[in-house]
Protein backbone atom coordinates (compact mmCIF):
# COMPACT_ATOMS: atom_id res chain seq x y z
CA UNK A 1 14.27 20.56 41.55
CA UNK A 2 14.23 17.25 39.67
CA UNK A 3 15.47 16.73 36.10
CA UNK A 4 12.02 16.72 34.54
CA UNK A 5 11.10 20.13 36.01
CA UNK A 6 14.43 21.59 34.89
CA UNK A 7 14.00 20.37 31.30
CA UNK A 8 10.38 21.58 31.14
CA UNK A 9 11.31 25.07 32.37
CA UNK A 10 13.96 25.33 29.65
CA UNK A 11 11.47 24.18 27.01
CA UNK A 12 8.84 26.71 28.12
CA UNK A 13 11.36 29.55 28.14
CA UNK A 14 12.37 28.76 24.54
CA UNK A 15 8.76 28.40 23.39
CA UNK A 16 7.73 31.72 24.92
CA UNK A 17 10.31 33.55 22.79
CA UNK A 18 8.79 32.70 19.40
CA UNK A 19 5.11 31.80 20.02
CA UNK A 20 2.06 34.00 20.33
CA UNK A 21 0.68 34.21 23.84
CA UNK A 22 -2.46 32.17 23.06
CA UNK A 23 -0.45 29.42 21.34
CA UNK A 24 2.11 29.44 24.13
CA UNK A 25 -0.56 29.03 26.82
CA UNK A 26 -2.09 26.03 24.99
CA UNK A 27 1.34 24.44 24.51
CA UNK A 28 2.24 25.13 28.13
CA UNK A 29 -0.84 23.32 29.42
CA UNK A 30 0.08 20.05 27.71
CA UNK A 31 3.69 20.26 28.85
CA UNK A 32 2.64 20.94 32.44
CA UNK A 33 0.24 17.99 32.20
CA UNK A 34 3.23 15.83 31.23
CA UNK A 35 5.05 16.89 34.42
CA UNK A 36 1.96 16.25 36.53
CA UNK A 37 1.54 12.83 34.94
CA UNK A 38 5.17 12.04 35.81
CA UNK A 39 4.59 13.02 39.45
CA UNK A 40 1.48 10.86 39.53
CA UNK A 41 3.30 7.71 38.39
CA UNK A 42 6.52 8.48 40.27
CA UNK A 43 8.82 9.43 37.37
CA UNK A 44 10.96 12.56 37.88
CA UNK A 45 13.15 12.56 34.76
CA UNK A 46 12.47 12.43 31.00
CA UNK A 47 12.42 8.83 29.73
CA UNK A 48 10.69 6.48 27.30
CA UNK A 49 8.45 5.04 30.02
CA UNK A 50 7.11 8.49 30.89
CA UNK A 51 6.37 9.37 27.27
CA UNK A 52 4.65 6.04 26.54
CA UNK A 53 2.43 6.38 29.58
CA UNK A 54 1.55 9.99 28.78
CA UNK A 55 0.44 9.38 25.16
CA UNK A 56 -1.47 6.17 26.02
CA UNK A 57 -4.79 8.05 26.14
CA UNK A 58 -7.92 6.25 25.06
CA UNK A 59 -10.36 7.74 22.51
CA UNK A 60 -7.64 10.05 21.22
CA UNK A 61 -8.78 12.57 18.62
CA UNK A 62 -6.35 13.66 15.88
CA UNK A 63 -5.98 17.08 17.51
CA UNK A 64 -5.31 15.62 20.97
CA UNK A 65 -2.82 13.16 19.51
CA UNK A 66 -0.92 16.01 17.86
CA UNK A 67 -0.81 18.05 21.08
CA UNK A 68 0.39 15.14 23.24
CA UNK A 69 3.01 14.03 20.71
CA UNK A 70 4.24 17.60 20.22
CA UNK A 71 4.63 18.12 23.97
CA UNK A 72 6.67 14.92 24.23
CA UNK A 73 8.67 15.91 21.13
CA UNK A 74 9.75 19.22 22.70
CA UNK A 75 10.77 17.62 26.00
CA UNK A 76 12.54 14.74 24.21
CA UNK A 77 14.54 17.15 22.04
CA UNK A 78 15.69 19.19 25.03
CA UNK A 79 16.51 16.13 27.15
CA UNK A 80 18.18 14.20 24.30
CA UNK A 81 16.40 10.99 25.25
CA UNK A 82 15.97 9.81 21.61
CA UNK A 83 12.55 8.39 22.44
CA UNK A 84 10.36 6.39 20.06
CA UNK A 85 6.68 6.91 19.29
CA UNK A 86 4.26 4.01 19.85
CA UNK A 87 4.55 3.41 16.08
CA UNK A 88 8.31 2.87 16.44
CA UNK A 89 9.64 6.08 14.85
CA UNK A 90 11.69 8.77 16.57
CA UNK A 91 9.91 11.78 18.02
CA UNK A 92 12.89 13.84 16.85
CA UNK A 93 14.59 12.39 13.79
CA UNK A 94 18.19 13.46 13.19
CA UNK A 95 18.46 16.19 10.57
CA UNK A 96 20.10 15.23 7.27
CA UNK A 97 22.71 17.58 5.78
CA UNK A 98 21.66 20.10 3.13
CA UNK A 99 22.30 19.49 -0.57
CA UNK A 100 24.69 22.46 -0.71
CA UNK A 101 26.77 20.99 2.13
CA UNK A 102 26.75 17.63 0.36
CA UNK A 103 27.86 19.07 -3.01
CA UNK A 104 30.66 21.02 -1.34
CA UNK A 105 31.88 17.97 0.57
CA UNK A 106 31.97 15.61 -2.41
CA UNK A 107 34.24 17.94 -4.38
CA UNK A 108 37.10 16.64 -2.26
CA UNK A 109 36.09 12.99 -1.87
CA UNK A 110 37.19 10.09 -4.07
CA UNK A 111 35.44 6.76 -4.55
CA UNK A 112 35.06 4.11 -3.27
CA UNK A 113 34.15 5.50 0.15
CA UNK A 114 36.16 3.91 2.94
CA UNK A 115 34.38 2.75 6.06
CA UNK A 116 34.10 5.35 8.81
CA UNK A 117 35.27 8.33 6.72
CA UNK A 118 31.88 9.89 5.95
CA UNK A 119 28.54 10.49 7.64
CA UNK A 120 25.84 8.34 6.04
CA UNK A 121 23.60 11.41 5.71
CA UNK A 122 25.88 12.89 3.06
CA UNK A 123 25.86 9.62 1.11
CA UNK A 124 22.05 9.54 1.26
CA UNK A 125 21.83 13.03 -0.26
CA UNK A 126 24.35 12.04 -2.96
CA UNK A 127 22.29 8.92 -3.80
CA UNK A 128 19.12 11.01 -3.93
CA UNK A 129 20.76 13.37 -6.43
CA UNK A 130 22.09 10.49 -8.54
CA UNK A 131 18.54 9.16 -8.96
CA UNK A 132 17.03 12.43 -10.20
CA UNK A 133 17.64 11.50 -13.85
CA UNK A 134 15.15 8.64 -13.48
CA UNK A 135 12.30 11.13 -13.06
CA UNK A 136 10.57 8.95 -10.49
CA UNK A 137 7.11 9.88 -9.25
CA UNK A 138 6.89 11.92 -6.01
CA UNK A 139 5.47 8.91 -4.15
CA UNK A 140 8.36 6.66 -5.27
CA UNK A 141 10.93 9.30 -4.34
CA UNK A 142 9.28 9.58 -0.93
CA UNK A 143 9.52 5.80 -0.40
CA UNK A 144 13.25 5.80 -1.15
CA UNK A 145 13.88 8.79 1.13
CA UNK A 146 11.76 7.25 3.90
CA UNK A 147 13.77 3.99 3.69
CA UNK A 148 17.04 5.95 3.86
CA UNK A 149 15.72 7.90 6.85
CA UNK A 150 14.85 4.64 8.60
CA UNK A 151 18.42 3.46 7.97
CA UNK A 152 19.86 6.74 9.25
CA UNK A 153 17.61 6.65 12.31
CA UNK A 154 18.73 3.11 13.15
CA UNK A 155 22.38 4.21 12.97
CA UNK A 156 21.57 7.28 15.06
CA UNK A 157 19.98 5.16 17.79
CA UNK A 158 23.15 3.04 17.89
CA UNK A 159 25.19 6.18 18.48
CA UNK A 160 27.18 6.32 15.24
CA UNK A 161 25.91 7.54 11.85
CA UNK A 162 29.24 7.00 10.05
CA UNK A 163 29.02 4.96 6.87
CA UNK A 164 30.31 1.39 7.09
CA UNK A 165 29.35 -1.56 4.92
CA UNK A 166 28.66 -3.73 7.96
CA UNK A 167 26.31 -1.16 9.50
CA UNK A 168 24.37 -0.64 6.28
CA UNK A 169 24.03 -4.32 5.41
CA UNK A 170 23.20 -5.02 9.06
CA UNK A 171 20.13 -2.82 8.62
CA UNK A 172 18.86 -5.15 5.89
CA UNK A 173 19.71 -8.24 7.93
CA UNK A 174 17.61 -6.90 10.82
CA UNK A 175 14.83 -5.97 8.38
CA UNK A 176 14.89 -9.50 6.97
CA UNK A 177 14.52 -10.88 10.49
CA UNK A 178 11.54 -8.55 11.05
CA UNK A 179 10.06 -9.83 7.78
CA UNK A 180 10.35 -13.46 8.84
CA UNK A 181 8.75 -12.73 12.23
CA UNK A 182 5.84 -10.86 10.63
CA UNK A 183 6.83 -7.43 12.00
CA UNK A 184 7.59 -5.99 8.55
CA UNK A 185 5.56 -6.12 5.35
CA UNK A 186 7.17 -7.54 2.20
CA UNK A 187 6.84 -4.30 0.20
CA UNK A 188 8.58 -2.40 3.01
CA UNK A 189 11.41 -4.91 3.09
CA UNK A 190 11.84 -4.69 -0.69
CA UNK A 191 12.15 -0.89 -0.74
CA UNK A 192 14.60 -1.00 2.17
CA UNK A 193 16.71 -3.61 0.42
CA UNK A 194 16.73 -1.68 -2.85
CA UNK A 195 17.54 1.60 -1.10
CA UNK A 196 20.55 0.00 0.58
CA UNK A 197 21.72 -1.51 -2.73
CA UNK A 198 21.54 1.94 -4.35
CA UNK A 199 23.48 3.44 -1.45
CA UNK A 200 26.20 0.78 -1.67
CA UNK A 201 26.62 1.35 -5.41
CA UNK A 202 26.94 5.12 -4.93
CA UNK A 203 29.48 4.51 -2.15
CA UNK A 204 31.48 2.32 -4.53
CA UNK A 205 31.34 4.39 -7.73
CA UNK A 206 29.79 7.76 -6.90
CA UNK A 207 27.14 7.03 -9.55
CA UNK A 208 23.98 5.00 -9.92
CA UNK A 209 22.72 3.34 -13.08
CA UNK A 210 19.22 1.88 -12.81
CA UNK A 211 19.02 -1.91 -12.67
CA UNK A 212 17.03 -4.73 -11.12
CA UNK A 213 18.59 -5.97 -7.89
CA UNK A 214 17.40 -9.56 -8.17
CA UNK A 215 19.27 -10.83 -5.14
CA UNK A 216 20.65 -9.19 -2.04
CA UNK A 217 23.98 -10.65 -0.97
CA UNK A 218 23.27 -11.05 2.72
CA UNK A 219 25.92 -12.16 5.17
CA UNK A 220 26.13 -15.24 7.32
CA UNK A 221 25.50 -14.70 11.04
CA UNK A 222 29.17 -15.15 11.98
CA UNK A 223 32.39 -13.73 10.49
CA UNK A 224 33.98 -17.19 10.25
CA UNK A 225 30.97 -18.54 8.36
CA UNK A 226 30.92 -15.51 6.09
CA UNK A 227 34.60 -16.00 5.29
CA UNK A 228 33.85 -19.64 4.47
CA UNK A 229 31.02 -18.49 2.18
CA UNK A 230 33.36 -16.11 0.34
CA UNK A 231 35.99 -18.85 0.12
CA UNK A 232 33.43 -21.15 -1.49
CA UNK A 233 32.47 -18.39 -3.96
CA UNK A 234 36.13 -17.93 -4.92
CA UNK A 235 36.37 -21.69 -5.46
CA UNK A 236 33.37 -21.53 -7.82
CA UNK A 237 34.99 -18.68 -9.76
CA UNK A 238 37.93 -20.97 -10.57
CA UNK A 239 35.42 -23.29 -12.23
CA UNK A 240 34.59 -20.55 -14.77
CA UNK A 241 30.91 -20.57 -13.83
CA UNK A 242 28.48 -17.84 -14.80
CA UNK A 243 27.89 -15.06 -12.32
CA UNK A 244 24.22 -16.03 -12.04
CA UNK A 245 25.21 -19.61 -11.17
CA UNK A 246 27.57 -18.41 -8.45
CA UNK A 247 24.81 -16.20 -7.04
CA UNK A 248 22.52 -19.26 -6.88
CA UNK A 249 25.23 -21.26 -5.07
CA UNK A 250 25.70 -18.37 -2.66
CA UNK A 251 21.97 -18.32 -1.91
CA UNK A 252 21.98 -22.10 -1.36
CA UNK A 253 24.96 -21.81 0.99
CA UNK A 254 23.12 -19.27 3.13
CA UNK A 255 19.98 -21.44 3.09
CA UNK A 256 22.07 -24.33 4.40
CA UNK A 257 23.56 -22.25 7.22
CA UNK A 258 20.21 -20.70 8.14
CA UNK A 259 18.29 -23.97 7.99
CA UNK A 260 20.73 -25.99 10.11
CA UNK A 261 21.03 -23.22 12.73
CA UNK A 262 24.83 -23.32 12.64
CA UNK A 263 26.32 -20.17 14.23
CA UNK A 264 30.05 -20.62 13.52
CA UNK A 265 32.49 -22.74 11.51
CA UNK A 266 33.42 -24.70 14.63
CA UNK A 267 29.78 -25.79 15.01
CA UNK A 268 29.93 -27.42 11.56
CA UNK A 269 32.04 -30.20 13.12
CA UNK A 270 29.13 -31.04 15.42
CA UNK A 271 26.53 -31.00 12.65
CA UNK A 272 23.90 -33.69 13.15
CA UNK A 273 21.64 -35.42 10.59
CA UNK A 274 18.59 -34.07 12.44
CA UNK A 275 19.72 -30.50 11.69
CA UNK A 276 20.04 -31.33 8.00
CA UNK A 277 16.57 -32.87 8.04
CA UNK A 278 15.16 -29.67 9.61
CA UNK A 279 16.86 -27.62 6.91
CA UNK A 280 15.39 -29.78 4.13
CA UNK A 281 11.92 -29.60 5.70
CA UNK A 282 12.10 -25.81 5.90
CA UNK A 283 13.22 -25.57 2.27
CA UNK A 284 10.50 -27.94 1.07
CA UNK A 285 7.89 -25.67 2.70
CA UNK A 286 9.38 -22.57 1.10
CA UNK A 287 10.29 -23.78 -2.41
CA UNK A 288 8.18 -25.28 -5.18
CA UNK A 289 9.20 -28.68 -6.53
CA UNK A 290 11.01 -27.15 -9.53
CA UNK A 291 13.08 -24.90 -7.25
CA UNK A 292 13.86 -27.81 -4.95
CA UNK A 293 15.10 -29.72 -7.99
CA UNK A 294 17.54 -26.85 -8.57
CA UNK A 295 18.61 -26.04 -4.99
CA UNK A 296 19.00 -29.55 -3.55
CA UNK A 297 21.76 -30.69 -5.97
CA UNK A 298 23.67 -27.47 -5.18
CA UNK A 299 23.41 -28.13 -1.44
CA UNK A 300 24.68 -31.64 -2.12
CA UNK A 301 27.74 -30.11 -3.85
CA UNK A 302 28.27 -27.76 -0.90
CA UNK A 303 28.35 -30.67 1.55
CA UNK A 304 30.89 -32.42 -0.68
CA UNK A 305 33.03 -29.26 -0.63
CA UNK A 306 32.74 -28.91 3.17
CA UNK A 307 33.72 -32.57 3.67
CA UNK A 308 36.70 -32.30 1.31
CA UNK A 309 37.86 -29.19 3.15
CA UNK A 310 37.56 -30.83 6.57
CA UNK A 311 34.81 -28.51 7.80
CA UNK A 312 32.40 -31.40 8.53
CA UNK A 313 33.29 -34.79 9.96
CA UNK A 314 31.01 -36.81 7.68
CA UNK A 315 30.06 -36.54 4.05
CA UNK A 316 26.37 -35.63 4.33
CA UNK A 317 25.86 -35.18 0.59
CA UNK A 318 24.18 -38.60 0.43
CA UNK A 319 21.34 -37.29 2.60
CA UNK A 320 20.31 -34.76 -0.03
CA UNK A 321 18.02 -36.50 -2.52
CA UNK A 322 16.69 -34.57 -5.48
CA UNK A 323 12.87 -34.71 -5.43
CA UNK A 324 11.20 -36.62 -8.23
CA UNK A 325 9.60 -34.27 -10.69
CA UNK A 326 7.93 -36.15 -13.49
CA UNK A 327 7.73 -33.82 -16.46
CA UNK A 328 4.76 -33.97 -18.78
CA UNK A 329 5.55 -34.46 -22.46
CA UNK A 330 2.17 -33.02 -23.43
CA UNK A 331 2.33 -29.32 -24.18
CA UNK A 332 -0.22 -27.06 -22.43
CA UNK A 333 -2.68 -25.01 -24.44
CA UNK A 334 -5.93 -23.06 -24.10
CA UNK A 335 -9.22 -24.34 -25.49
CA UNK A 336 -11.17 -22.24 -27.98
CA UNK A 337 -13.84 -21.54 -25.33
CA UNK A 338 -11.28 -20.29 -22.83
CA UNK A 339 -9.58 -18.27 -25.56
CA UNK A 340 -12.86 -16.42 -26.11
CA UNK A 341 -13.04 -15.71 -22.37
CA UNK A 342 -9.46 -14.45 -22.50
CA UNK A 343 -10.20 -12.02 -25.33
CA UNK A 344 -13.29 -10.80 -23.46
CA UNK A 345 -11.22 -9.93 -20.41
CA UNK A 346 -8.54 -8.49 -22.67
CA UNK A 347 -10.97 -5.79 -23.82
CA UNK A 348 -10.89 -4.29 -20.31
CA UNK A 349 -7.09 -4.54 -20.00
CA UNK A 350 -4.56 -1.67 -20.43
CA UNK A 351 -3.38 -0.95 -23.97
CA UNK A 352 0.07 -2.41 -23.33
CA UNK A 353 -1.42 -5.69 -22.11
CA UNK A 354 -3.71 -5.86 -25.16
CA UNK A 355 -0.85 -5.34 -27.60
CA UNK A 356 1.60 -7.74 -25.96
CA UNK A 357 -0.96 -10.51 -25.48
CA UNK A 358 -2.19 -10.24 -29.07
CA UNK A 359 1.39 -10.62 -30.27
CA UNK A 360 1.64 -13.78 -28.17
CA UNK A 361 -1.75 -15.30 -28.98
CA UNK A 362 -2.16 -14.30 -32.62
CA UNK A 363 1.46 -14.54 -33.82
CA UNK A 364 2.98 -16.97 -31.31
CA UNK A 365 5.98 -14.78 -30.50
CA UNK A 366 8.17 -15.74 -27.56
CA UNK A 367 8.21 -13.68 -24.37
CA UNK A 368 11.70 -12.29 -24.98
CA UNK A 369 10.95 -11.32 -28.60
CA UNK A 370 7.85 -9.38 -27.53
CA UNK A 371 9.77 -7.53 -24.79
CA UNK A 372 12.60 -6.74 -27.22
CA UNK A 373 10.32 -5.63 -30.08
CA UNK A 374 11.68 -2.42 -31.65
CA UNK A 375 10.02 0.25 -33.76
CA UNK A 376 12.39 -0.53 -36.64
CA UNK A 377 11.12 -4.13 -36.75
CA UNK A 378 7.55 -3.08 -37.58
CA UNK A 379 6.98 -2.41 -41.28
CA UNK A 380 3.74 -0.42 -41.17
CA UNK A 381 3.66 0.18 -44.92
CA UNK A 382 3.80 -3.52 -45.82
CA UNK A 383 2.02 -4.86 -42.72
CA UNK A 384 4.95 -7.04 -41.61
CA UNK A 385 6.94 -7.68 -38.46
CA UNK A 386 10.52 -8.66 -39.25
CA UNK A 387 12.79 -9.47 -36.31
CA UNK A 388 15.80 -11.52 -35.39
CA UNK A 389 14.81 -14.09 -32.77
CA UNK A 390 16.73 -13.84 -29.52
CA UNK A 391 16.75 -17.60 -28.98
CA UNK A 392 17.94 -18.77 -32.39
CA UNK A 393 19.30 -15.66 -34.08
CA UNK A 394 17.21 -16.56 -37.14
CA UNK A 395 15.24 -13.80 -38.87
CA UNK A 396 11.47 -14.22 -38.62
CA UNK A 397 8.92 -12.46 -40.83
CA UNK A 398 5.27 -12.46 -39.80
CA UNK A 399 2.17 -10.66 -41.05
CA UNK A 400 1.09 -7.65 -38.99
CA UNK A 401 -2.53 -8.65 -38.47
CA UNK A 402 -5.06 -5.84 -38.29
CA UNK A 403 -6.05 -6.33 -34.64
CA UNK A 404 -2.42 -6.72 -33.60
CA UNK A 405 -1.31 -3.58 -35.43
CA UNK A 406 -4.22 -1.55 -34.06
CA UNK A 407 -3.45 -2.68 -30.50
CA UNK A 408 0.21 -1.67 -30.84
CA UNK A 409 -0.77 1.71 -32.30
CA UNK A 410 -3.32 2.31 -29.51
CA UNK A 411 -0.62 1.67 -26.93
CA UNK A 412 1.91 3.97 -28.62
CA UNK A 413 -0.55 6.86 -29.01
CA UNK A 414 -2.63 6.60 -25.83
CA UNK A 415 -0.59 4.95 -23.09
CA UNK A 416 3.14 4.69 -23.78
CA UNK A 417 5.11 7.08 -21.51
CA UNK A 418 7.05 9.96 -23.05
CA UNK A 419 10.42 8.29 -23.46
CA UNK A 420 13.52 9.62 -25.22
CA UNK A 421 12.79 9.59 -28.97
CA UNK A 422 15.92 7.56 -29.64
CA UNK A 423 14.81 4.74 -27.34
CA UNK A 424 14.13 1.86 -29.77
CA UNK A 425 11.92 -0.51 -27.76
CA UNK A 426 8.15 -0.42 -28.17
CA UNK A 427 7.05 -1.78 -24.78
CA UNK A 428 8.39 -0.04 -21.67
CA UNK A 429 7.66 0.01 -17.97
CA UNK A 430 4.59 1.95 -16.90
CA UNK A 431 6.57 3.57 -14.08
CA UNK A 432 9.84 5.48 -14.19
CA UNK A 433 12.49 4.61 -15.16
CA UNK A 434 10.91 3.85 -18.53
CA UNK A 435 13.08 0.92 -19.61
CA UNK A 436 12.05 -2.08 -21.67
CA UNK A 437 10.43 -4.99 -19.89
CA UNK A 438 12.59 -7.99 -19.05
CA UNK A 439 9.63 -10.41 -19.02
CA UNK A 440 5.86 -10.36 -19.57
CA UNK A 441 5.15 -13.44 -17.44
CA UNK A 442 3.26 -11.41 -14.83
CA UNK A 443 1.20 -9.71 -17.57
CA UNK A 444 0.10 -13.08 -18.98
CA UNK A 445 -0.42 -14.92 -15.68
CA UNK A 446 -2.56 -12.12 -14.22
CA UNK A 447 -4.74 -12.07 -17.32
CA UNK A 448 -5.22 -15.85 -17.28
CA UNK A 449 -6.18 -15.72 -13.61
CA UNK A 450 -8.62 -12.86 -14.17
CA UNK A 451 -10.27 -14.73 -17.03
CA UNK A 452 -10.45 -17.93 -14.98
CA UNK A 453 -8.62 -19.84 -17.71
CA UNK A 454 -7.17 -23.26 -16.92
CA UNK A 455 -4.70 -24.66 -19.42
CA UNK A 456 -5.00 -28.19 -20.77
CA UNK A 457 -2.29 -30.72 -19.76
CA UNK A 458 -0.72 -28.53 -17.00
CA UNK A 459 -1.18 -25.41 -14.90
CA UNK A 460 1.32 -23.32 -16.88
CA UNK A 461 0.68 -19.56 -16.78
CA UNK A 462 3.52 -18.22 -18.93
CA UNK A 463 3.55 -16.71 -22.40
CA UNK A 464 4.60 -19.99 -24.01
CA UNK A 465 1.05 -21.26 -23.43
CA UNK A 466 -0.07 -18.77 -26.10
CA UNK A 467 2.55 -20.15 -28.48
CA UNK A 468 1.37 -23.70 -27.84
CA UNK A 469 -2.24 -22.62 -28.31
CA UNK A 470 -1.49 -21.17 -31.74
CA UNK A 471 0.30 -24.40 -32.67
CA UNK A 472 -2.69 -26.46 -31.50
CA UNK A 473 -5.01 -24.40 -33.69
CA UNK A 474 -2.72 -24.80 -36.73
CA UNK A 475 -2.47 -28.56 -36.20
CA UNK A 476 -6.24 -28.83 -35.83
CA UNK A 477 -6.70 -26.90 -39.08
CA UNK A 478 -4.37 -29.40 -40.86
CA UNK A 479 -1.84 -26.70 -41.70
CA UNK A 480 1.31 -28.24 -43.28
CA UNK A 481 4.18 -28.74 -40.86
CA UNK A 482 6.54 -26.57 -42.89
CA UNK A 483 4.14 -23.64 -42.50
CA UNK A 484 4.03 -24.29 -38.73
CA UNK A 485 7.83 -24.40 -38.66
CA UNK A 486 8.04 -21.06 -40.49
CA UNK A 487 5.37 -19.45 -38.30
CA UNK A 488 7.05 -20.44 -35.04
CA UNK A 489 10.49 -19.53 -36.34
CA UNK A 490 11.94 -22.98 -35.72
CA UNK A 491 15.28 -23.78 -37.30
CA UNK A 492 14.25 -27.33 -38.28
CA UNK A 493 11.17 -29.52 -38.41
CA UNK A 494 12.61 -31.56 -35.52
CA UNK A 495 11.74 -28.65 -33.22
CA UNK A 496 8.06 -29.30 -33.96
CA UNK A 497 8.05 -32.83 -32.53
CA UNK A 498 7.22 -31.85 -28.90
CA UNK A 499 4.23 -29.88 -30.26
CA UNK A 500 2.74 -32.80 -32.19
CA UNK A 501 1.45 -34.36 -28.97
CA UNK A 502 -1.35 -31.76 -29.06
CA UNK A 503 -2.84 -33.30 -32.23
CA UNK A 504 -5.25 -35.78 -30.61
CA UNK A 505 -6.46 -37.33 -33.88
CA UNK A 506 -2.90 -38.10 -35.01
CA UNK A 507 -2.09 -39.62 -31.61
CA UNK A 508 -5.07 -41.93 -31.88
CA UNK A 509 -3.53 -43.40 -35.02
CA UNK A 510 -0.19 -44.06 -33.30
CA UNK A 511 -0.91 -46.51 -30.41
CA UNK A 512 0.42 -50.05 -30.86
CA UNK A 513 -1.85 -53.09 -30.78
CA UNK A 514 -2.14 -54.54 -27.26
CA UNK A 515 -2.49 -58.11 -28.55
CA UNK A 516 1.26 -58.83 -28.32
CA UNK A 517 1.57 -57.82 -24.68
CA UNK A 518 2.39 -60.83 -22.49
CA UNK A 519 3.10 -63.18 -25.42
CA UNK A 520 6.45 -64.92 -25.86
CA UNK A 521 8.04 -65.59 -29.18
CA UNK A 522 11.48 -66.79 -30.16
CA UNK A 523 13.98 -65.45 -32.57
CA UNK A 524 17.37 -66.75 -33.50
CA UNK A 525 19.18 -68.09 -30.50
CA UNK A 526 17.77 -68.99 -27.14
CA UNK A 527 16.45 -65.63 -26.12
CA UNK A 528 12.90 -64.35 -26.34
CA UNK A 529 11.10 -61.08 -26.20
């Protein structure tokens, strides 16, 4: 008797013990069909090829699909073949530990978790418990758990589910590769990356405090290159740079390695100008001109560091030229016609969007001041908003206009989530965890796009366009500059100078006479102008 027949007989014997006769007979038919299909194609033992061929039935109904998959699932579980469905998931996923087992285990474990001392399944359950305080929606909780299951399944297929930093981060590296090749959607990659970041934090501290993971610290493809990357980061730390600056340098270092195709430190000695040109071409296709103006100088510094350290034969920093980005001195603003279109679209927007955008358009508040607006800064009795500006630290007092106040109140009563009463910030995320917003750029840019608004002088889409628009209206109405200074919360009148370029009538009075151009005249001495 071949292996397939032996496994199938064992499966049928187990099924007969706990199924009704009618259910057993139906299940038996599909399992026997699997054996017959194997004989037909010449396969006598359970394997991935057999399963794939068996379920590759055309015009498959949902019921037939379930029966075929379930038959394969039973045989796969008995044979231990760890087969994958056509969709790429396991027919029989490994079972995660129970929460009781996890709680009992962690009573005797200290943090940080050392590599290889704990099954990743226990850490997943601990991370799941640590996130309960966030009160995430069922769908969001499911996405996190699904991402952790995909991680656990990948470790299971490799034959070792023990927790190690290299194994966990390797899962994200492989996911990133799938993203770049089009095999993985961006939203799937993001939830996987975030799930791994949560897991790593729990492994380090045993706790998780909600935060935005703005960058994932991926590794270089080779240990020697990764050690060089860490060495460069330690060098930057001696320069007393901000953490965010070091993170940007780290990203640029990995872009350099990825773009040149270098696989080890020894290959850096053979680096050719053509490889650098390929890297720059790839970056120019991926980054906007502003980002290139930031990243290219950093890459130039990295090449200087590599040359000084003897890692490259030649100093290639001269090949990295910062792209020319001519900045416009004219400030962007919205015309009165487009502003009417914007308010029309705003009527259909959520209450939070209405309130935040009215604060920006009607009062000219900065993005950060709107996001940080607190209940204590709104004086409802006297119709005032009094706040300390984040940028300057100067106190600003503005009138609480009727439409602005009503929009804020509508949001608080009808839309704002039920947050802890002691939480001071007015505007919070619409999804758990209900923390204050860090920026409202996406709120503004989406609204401008929906209204079909195009700003004058540039294609800016941020909140500052609203501030410039208010200034343009005040200048057009001949409002005194001191009033404009007070309204915008500027420390001095000098801060208004960049805004004056929006006053077209005043600019028309400023141009010099062209009659002197090209004429020579002498002053004292032999020179001329």
